[in-house]
Protein backbone atom coordinates (compact mmCIF):
# COMPACT_ATOMS: atom_id res chain seq x y z
CA MET A 1 -6.78 -49.40 27.74
CA VAL A 2 -9.01 -47.14 25.66
CA LYS A 3 -11.98 -45.47 27.34
CA LEU A 4 -15.14 -45.06 25.28
CA LYS A 5 -17.76 -42.35 25.69
CA PHE A 6 -21.35 -43.35 26.44
CA ARG A 7 -24.64 -41.51 26.87
CA CYS A 8 -27.88 -42.61 28.48
CA GLY A 9 -30.92 -42.06 26.27
CA SER A 10 -33.20 -41.72 29.30
CA CYS A 11 -31.40 -39.18 31.49
CA ASN A 12 -28.74 -37.90 28.99
CA TRP A 13 -25.94 -38.66 31.48
CA LYS A 14 -22.57 -38.78 29.68
CA PHE A 15 -19.79 -40.97 31.06
CA THR A 16 -16.71 -42.94 30.01
CA ARG A 17 -15.86 -46.59 30.57
CA ASN A 18 -13.31 -49.07 29.28
CA PHE A 19 -16.13 -51.60 28.80
CA ALA A 20 -19.66 -51.47 27.38
CA PRO A 21 -22.06 -50.99 30.30
CA LYS A 22 -25.50 -52.58 30.33
CA LEU A 23 -27.05 -50.00 32.67
CA CYS A 24 -26.65 -46.27 33.18
CA PRO A 25 -24.61 -45.61 36.34
CA TYR A 26 -26.80 -42.58 37.12
CA CYS A 27 -30.41 -43.69 36.56
CA GLY A 28 -30.00 -47.48 36.23
CA LYS A 29 -31.92 -47.77 32.95
CA SER A 30 -30.73 -49.88 30.03
CA SER A 31 -30.82 -47.15 27.38
CA VAL A 32 -27.03 -46.70 27.16
CA ALA A 33 -25.40 -46.14 23.76
CA GLU A 34 -21.95 -45.13 22.61
CA ASP A 35 -21.74 -41.34 22.34
CA ALA A 36 -20.73 -40.46 18.78
CA SER A 37 -20.95 -36.70 19.24
CA GLN A 38 -17.91 -34.58 18.50
CA ALA A 39 -16.51 -31.69 20.47
CA ALA A 40 -17.16 -28.21 19.05
CA ASP A 41 -13.44 -27.68 18.44
CA ASP A 42 -13.28 -30.85 16.33
CA LEU A 43 -16.29 -29.76 14.25
CA LEU A 44 -14.83 -26.29 13.66
CA ARG A 45 -11.49 -27.80 12.65
CA GLU A 46 -13.25 -30.03 10.09
CA VAL A 47 -15.08 -27.02 8.63
CA ASP A 48 -11.85 -25.00 8.38
CA GLU A 49 -10.04 -27.86 6.63
CA GLY A 50 -12.87 -28.23 4.12
CA PHE A 51 -12.53 -24.69 2.77
């Protein structure tokens, strides 16, 4: 089962789940979205490949 990365827009808590949560497990608010950010290593690798 694939785990997805999520981030709460209210408290910025980052967490992983294998399902889409409705509430943040830290603050309990409903401002959870899938985290589309990339790791710094991935970004640097993309830059190196582009040149």
